[in-house]
Every structure is written in C-alpha cells, then in structure tokens.
Amino acid sequence: MYSTTCHPQTDGQTEVTNQILGTLLRALIKPNAKAWDLLLPHAEFTYNKAPSKVASLSPFKVVYGIDPLSPINLTPWPLDQKPSADATVRVEEIQKLYELVKTRIKKRNTSYEAQANKHRRKIVFQPGDLVWIHLRKERFPSKRKNKLMP
C-alpha cells in the first residue's frame, strides 16, 4: 500500500522508521543543535548499522554482505588493491543471505498473523445470507462538500 507525503500515518512501517530516526537525531544534536545537518551522515550510518528486529541483520549486512565497523570500511578500494575473490562465490553468498532474510521475514509475518488472528472467528457468508448494514445519514450527505467544488 502506498502512502502520501502528507499522511505517513497510513504506512506504519514508515511511521516507525521516522520515529526511530527522530529519536536518534535528537540524541545526536543535543550538544550542538545548530550543526544538525552535519550529523545526518552519522545518523544514517548508525541506523544502517543497527540490526533489525525481524531479520536480525543490519541493513548494511543485507545490502552489501558486510557489517562495517566504521564509515571508513565503506570507502571503495583502489582497483589495484581489491581482493581477487571469485565473483560466483560472492554472488552465492549474497543469494544465501537474501534467502535467509526472506525466510526470517516470512516466519515473523506468520507469527504476527497468528497473534493478530488469535481471537477472531472466521465467518464465511454464502449468497443469500442476510447481513446487517448500518448507514448513517452524515456518512452520505446530500450536498457533499469537497475542496474541488467551485
């Protein structure tokens, strides 16, 4: 489901991420509030270094296959100093990592679904069943006003 920029509350995942980033930035900018823009790279690195609750891996580990100790570990090496690792081995490592993350996410989603549906009754309606529909007048006004009317 997509959410608009004006209504992020429709997307719970975005709302949680924004809350975490807000808390992190508040903690980082306490001593020098005027230089908050200089601390954004530190906040980004810190956020991407923290393991997620679902995958138990950091975003760095999932995307790059490594968990850097510091930002210097993310700088690209000069071409003449790169390790000569076999590309097929590296591709297999990343594919295994992606499969591990997918499995963990599916497992966590299944447990969330079971928890959410624990007290629900499954009701199956058949054609011809009688159901109660409650429509309030204020929900369907005769002269509805909206912002696009002249």
C-alpha atoms as a PDB file:
ATOM      1  CA  MET A   1       0.000   0.000   0.000  1.00  0.00           C
ATOM      2  CA  TYR A   2       1.253   3.456  -0.864  1.00  0.00           C
ATOM      3  CA  SER A   3       1.008   6.492   1.384  1.00  0.00           C
ATOM      4  CA  THR A   4       1.151  10.172   0.530  1.00  0.00           C
ATOM      5  CA  THR A   5       3.762  12.544   1.879  1.00  0.00           C
ATOM      6  CA  CYS A   6       1.111  14.450   3.811  1.00  0.00           C
ATOM      7  CA  HIS A   7      -0.282  11.325   5.504  1.00  0.00           C
ATOM      8  CA  PRO A   8       2.575   8.987   6.537  1.00  0.00           C
ATOM      9  CA  GLN A   9       0.338   7.586   9.299  1.00  0.00           C
ATOM     10  CA  THR A  10      -1.232   5.345   6.649  1.00  0.00           C
ATOM     11  CA  ASP A  11       2.041   3.464   6.410  1.00  0.00           C
ATOM     12  CA  GLY A  12       3.007   2.045   9.810  1.00  0.00           C
ATOM     13  CA  GLN A  13       6.475   0.983   8.740  1.00  0.00           C
ATOM     14  CA  THR A  14       7.362   4.498   7.591  1.00  0.00           C
ATOM     15  CA  GLU A  15       5.932   5.954  10.787  1.00  0.00           C
ATOM     16  CA  VAL A  16       8.089   3.663  12.958  1.00  0.00           C
ATOM     17  CA  THR A  17      11.204   4.448  10.910  1.00  0.00           C
ATOM     18  CA  ASN A  18      10.547   8.196  11.185  1.00  0.00           C
ATOM     19  CA  GLN A  19      10.084   7.863  14.949  1.00  0.00           C
ATOM     20  CA  ILE A  20      13.365   5.960  15.332  1.00  0.00           C
ATOM     21  CA  LEU A  21      15.268   8.451  13.163  1.00  0.00           C
ATOM     22  CA  GLY A  22      13.758  11.382  15.083  1.00  0.00           C
ATOM     23  CA  THR A  23      14.866   9.909  18.406  1.00  0.00           C
ATOM     24  CA  LEU A  24      18.336   9.197  17.029  1.00  0.00           C
ATOM     25  CA  LEU A  25      18.737  12.731  15.671  1.00  0.00           C
ATOM     26  CA  ARG A  26      17.542  14.285  18.944  1.00  0.00           C
ATOM     27  CA  ALA A  27      20.150  12.270  20.826  1.00  0.00           C
ATOM     28  CA  LEU A  28      22.912  13.279  18.407  1.00  0.00           C
ATOM     29  CA  ILE A  29      22.143  17.008  18.203  1.00  0.00           C
ATOM     30  CA  LYS A  30      21.754  17.707  21.943  1.00  0.00           C
ATOM     31  CA  PRO A  31      25.195  19.312  22.375  1.00  0.00           C
ATOM     32  CA  ASN A  32      25.131  21.359  19.147  1.00  0.00           C
ATOM     33  CA  ALA A  33      21.653  21.928  17.766  1.00  0.00           C
ATOM     34  CA  LYS A  34      22.808  24.355  15.072  1.00  0.00           C
ATOM     35  CA  ALA A  35      25.009  21.782  13.332  1.00  0.00           C
ATOM     36  CA  TRP A  36      22.322  19.108  12.931  1.00  0.00           C
ATOM     37  CA  ASP A  37      22.860  18.873   9.170  1.00  0.00           C
ATOM     38  CA  LEU A  38      26.478  17.839   9.736  1.00  0.00           C
ATOM     39  CA  LEU A  39      25.298  14.922  11.889  1.00  0.00           C
ATOM     40  CA  LEU A  40      22.985  13.395   9.262  1.00  0.00           C
ATOM     41  CA  PRO A  41      25.689  11.067   7.852  1.00  0.00           C
ATOM     42  CA  HIS A  42      26.403   9.812  11.388  1.00  0.00           C
ATOM     43  CA  ALA A  43      22.699   9.184  11.982  1.00  0.00           C
ATOM     44  CA  GLU A  44      22.392   7.350   8.660  1.00  0.00           C
ATOM     45  CA  PHE A  45      25.416   5.164   9.411  1.00  0.00           C
ATOM     46  CA  THR A  46      24.156   4.392  12.919  1.00  0.00           C
ATOM     47  CA  TYR A  47      20.682   3.480  11.654  1.00  0.00           C
ATOM     48  CA  ASN A  48      22.051   1.241   8.894  1.00  0.00           C
ATOM     49  CA  LYS A  49      24.460  -0.448  11.336  1.00  0.00           C
ATOM     50  CA  ALA A  50      21.745  -1.466  13.824  1.00  0.00           C
ATOM     51  CA  PRO A  51      20.284  -4.951  13.282  1.00  0.00           C
ATOM     52  CA  SER A  52      16.584  -5.080  12.531  1.00  0.00           C
ATOM     53  CA  LYS A  53      14.231  -6.913  14.852  1.00  0.00           C
ATOM     54  CA  VAL A  54      12.825  -9.148  12.117  1.00  0.00           C
ATOM     55  CA  ALA A  55      15.900 -10.125  10.104  1.00  0.00           C
ATOM     56  CA  SER A  56      18.399  -9.925  12.994  1.00  0.00           C
ATOM     57  CA  LEU A  57      20.795  -8.390  10.474  1.00  0.00           C
ATOM     58  CA  SER A  58      21.769  -4.792   9.801  1.00  0.00           C
ATOM     59  CA  PRO A  59      20.760  -3.111   6.536  1.00  0.00           C
ATOM     60  CA  PHE A  60      24.477  -2.907   5.681  1.00  0.00           C
ATOM     61  CA  LYS A  61      24.800  -6.681   6.042  1.00  0.00           C
ATOM     62  CA  VAL A  62      21.719  -7.323   3.907  1.00  0.00           C
ATOM     63  CA  VAL A  63      22.632  -4.910   1.113  1.00  0.00           C
ATOM     64  CA  TYR A  64      26.430  -5.177   0.971  1.00  0.00           C
ATOM     65  CA  GLY A  65      27.110  -8.500   2.667  1.00  0.00           C
ATOM     66  CA  ILE A  66      29.386  -6.864   5.255  1.00  0.00           C
ATOM     67  CA  ASP A  67      28.900  -5.216   8.622  1.00  0.00           C
ATOM     68  CA  PRO A  68      31.311  -2.251   8.662  1.00  0.00           C
ATOM     69  CA  LEU A  69      32.963  -1.265  11.929  1.00  0.00           C
ATOM     70  CA  SER A  70      33.243   2.377  10.900  1.00  0.00           C
ATOM     71  CA  PRO A  71      32.389   4.532   7.868  1.00  0.00           C
ATOM     72  CA  ILE A  72      35.959   4.113   6.590  1.00  0.00           C
ATOM     73  CA  ASN A  73      35.158   0.440   5.912  1.00  0.00           C
ATOM     74  CA  LEU A  74      32.627   1.558   3.274  1.00  0.00           C
ATOM     75  CA  THR A  75      35.081   3.510   1.139  1.00  0.00           C
ATOM     76  CA  PRO A  76      35.857   1.782  -2.146  1.00  0.00           C
ATOM     77  CA  TRP A  77      39.313   0.291  -2.504  1.00  0.00           C
ATOM     78  CA  PRO A  78      41.605   1.337  -5.339  1.00  0.00           C
ATOM     79  CA  LEU A  79      41.263  -1.042  -8.275  1.00  0.00           C
ATOM     80  CA  ASP A  80      44.822  -2.377  -7.906  1.00  0.00           C
ATOM     81  CA  GLN A  81      44.258  -3.267  -4.203  1.00  0.00           C
ATOM     82  CA  LYS A  82      40.923  -5.087  -4.452  1.00  0.00           C
ATOM     83  CA  PRO A  83      40.903  -8.686  -3.282  1.00  0.00           C
ATOM     84  CA  SER A  84      40.609 -11.178  -6.111  1.00  0.00           C
ATOM     85  CA  ALA A  85      37.583 -13.065  -4.780  1.00  0.00           C
ATOM     86  CA  ASP A  86      35.684 -15.260  -7.175  1.00  0.00           C
ATOM     87  CA  ALA A  87      32.565 -13.396  -8.302  1.00  0.00           C
ATOM     88  CA  THR A  88      30.418 -16.539  -8.410  1.00  0.00           C
ATOM     89  CA  VAL A  89      31.248 -17.304  -4.773  1.00  0.00           C
ATOM     90  CA  ARG A  90      30.292 -13.749  -3.804  1.00  0.00           C
ATOM     91  CA  VAL A  91      27.016 -13.964  -5.733  1.00  0.00           C
ATOM     92  CA  GLU A  92      26.162 -17.245  -3.983  1.00  0.00           C
ATOM     93  CA  GLU A  93      26.915 -15.686  -0.569  1.00  0.00           C
ATOM     94  CA  ILE A  94      24.611 -12.739  -1.280  1.00  0.00           C
ATOM     95  CA  GLN A  95      21.863 -15.032  -2.613  1.00  0.00           C
ATOM     96  CA  LYS A  96      22.069 -17.194   0.541  1.00  0.00           C
ATOM     97  CA  LEU A  97      21.895 -14.051   2.651  1.00  0.00           C
ATOM     98  CA  TYR A  98      18.781 -12.848   0.774  1.00  0.00           C
ATOM     99  CA  GLU A  99      17.120 -16.243   1.191  1.00  0.00           C
ATOM    100  CA  LEU A 100      17.896 -16.173   4.921  1.00  0.00           C
ATOM    101  CA  VAL A 101      16.342 -12.711   5.257  1.00  0.00           C
ATOM    102  CA  LYS A 102      13.254 -13.759   3.244  1.00  0.00           C
ATOM    103  CA  THR A 103      12.780 -16.824   5.436  1.00  0.00           C
ATOM    104  CA  ARG A 104      13.102 -14.799   8.634  1.00  0.00           C
ATOM    105  CA  ILE A 105      10.632 -12.182   7.387  1.00  0.00           C
ATOM    106  CA  LYS A 106       8.099 -14.862   6.359  1.00  0.00           C
ATOM    107  CA  LYS A 107       8.462 -16.576   9.730  1.00  0.00           C
ATOM    108  CA  ARG A 108       7.976 -13.305  11.627  1.00  0.00           C
ATOM    109  CA  ASN A 109       4.971 -12.342   9.455  1.00  0.00           C
ATOM    110  CA  THR A 110       3.389 -15.735  10.151  1.00  0.00           C
ATOM    111  CA  SER A 111       3.803 -15.249  13.892  1.00  0.00           C
ATOM    112  CA  TYR A 112       2.380 -11.698  13.669  1.00  0.00           C
ATOM    113  CA  GLU A 113      -0.586 -13.005  11.667  1.00  0.00           C
ATOM    114  CA  ALA A 114      -1.243 -15.794  14.193  1.00  0.00           C
ATOM    115  CA  GLN A 115      -1.098 -13.298  17.065  1.00  0.00           C
ATOM    116  CA  ALA A 116      -3.441 -10.837  15.325  1.00  0.00           C
ATOM    117  CA  ASN A 117      -5.964 -13.530  14.392  1.00  0.00           C
ATOM    118  CA  LYS A 118      -5.900 -15.346  17.736  1.00  0.00           C
ATOM    119  CA  HIS A 119      -9.300 -14.083  18.896  1.00  0.00           C
ATOM    120  CA  ARG A 120     -11.014 -13.758  15.519  1.00  0.00           C
ATOM    121  CA  ARG A 121     -13.790 -16.010  14.354  1.00  0.00           C
ATOM    122  CA  LYS A 122     -13.834 -16.959  10.716  1.00  0.00           C
ATOM    123  CA  ILE A 123     -17.204 -16.125   9.215  1.00  0.00           C
ATOM    124  CA  VAL A 124     -17.988 -17.231   5.688  1.00  0.00           C
ATOM    125  CA  PHE A 125     -21.038 -15.680   4.048  1.00  0.00           C
ATOM    126  CA  GLN A 126     -22.953 -17.535   1.382  1.00  0.00           C
ATOM    127  CA  PRO A 127     -25.042 -15.975  -1.380  1.00  0.00           C
ATOM    128  CA  GLY A 128     -28.497 -15.269   0.010  1.00  0.00           C
ATOM    129  CA  ASP A 129     -27.386 -14.826   3.645  1.00  0.00           C
ATOM    130  CA  LEU A 130     -28.951 -11.897   5.448  1.00  0.00           C
ATOM    131  CA  VAL A 131     -26.495  -9.319   6.761  1.00  0.00           C
ATOM    132  CA  TRP A 132     -26.970  -6.083   8.713  1.00  0.00           C
ATOM    133  CA  ILE A 133     -25.688  -2.877   7.118  1.00  0.00           C
ATOM    134  CA  HIS A 134     -25.838   0.325   9.107  1.00  0.00           C
ATOM    135  CA  LEU A 135     -25.642   3.506   7.019  1.00  0.00           C
ATOM    136  CA  ARG A 136     -25.651   6.823   8.844  1.00  0.00           C
ATOM    137  CA  LYS A 137     -27.036   9.951   7.184  1.00  0.00           C
ATOM    138  CA  GLU A 138     -23.926  12.001   7.956  1.00  0.00           C
ATOM    139  CA  ARG A 139     -21.814   9.488   6.083  1.00  0.00           C
ATOM    140  CA  PHE A 140     -23.647  10.197   2.817  1.00  0.00           C
ATOM    141  CA  PRO A 141     -24.758  13.858   2.868  1.00  0.00           C
ATOM    142  CA  SER A 142     -26.977  15.056   0.045  1.00  0.00           C
ATOM    143  CA  LYS A 143     -24.822  18.073  -0.826  1.00  0.00           C
ATOM    144  CA  ARG A 144     -21.352  16.814  -0.129  1.00  0.00           C
ATOM    145  CA  LYS A 145     -18.695  19.498   0.083  1.00  0.00           C
ATOM    146  CA  ASN A 146     -15.194  18.865  -1.158  1.00  0.00           C
ATOM    147  CA  LYS A 147     -12.206  21.020  -1.939  1.00  0.00           C
ATOM    148  CA  LEU A 148     -12.600  20.670  -5.716  1.00  0.00           C
ATOM    149  CA  MET A 149     -16.104  22.187  -5.867  1.00  0.00           C
ATOM    150  CA  PRO A 150     -16.356  25.728  -7.319  1.00  0.00           C
END
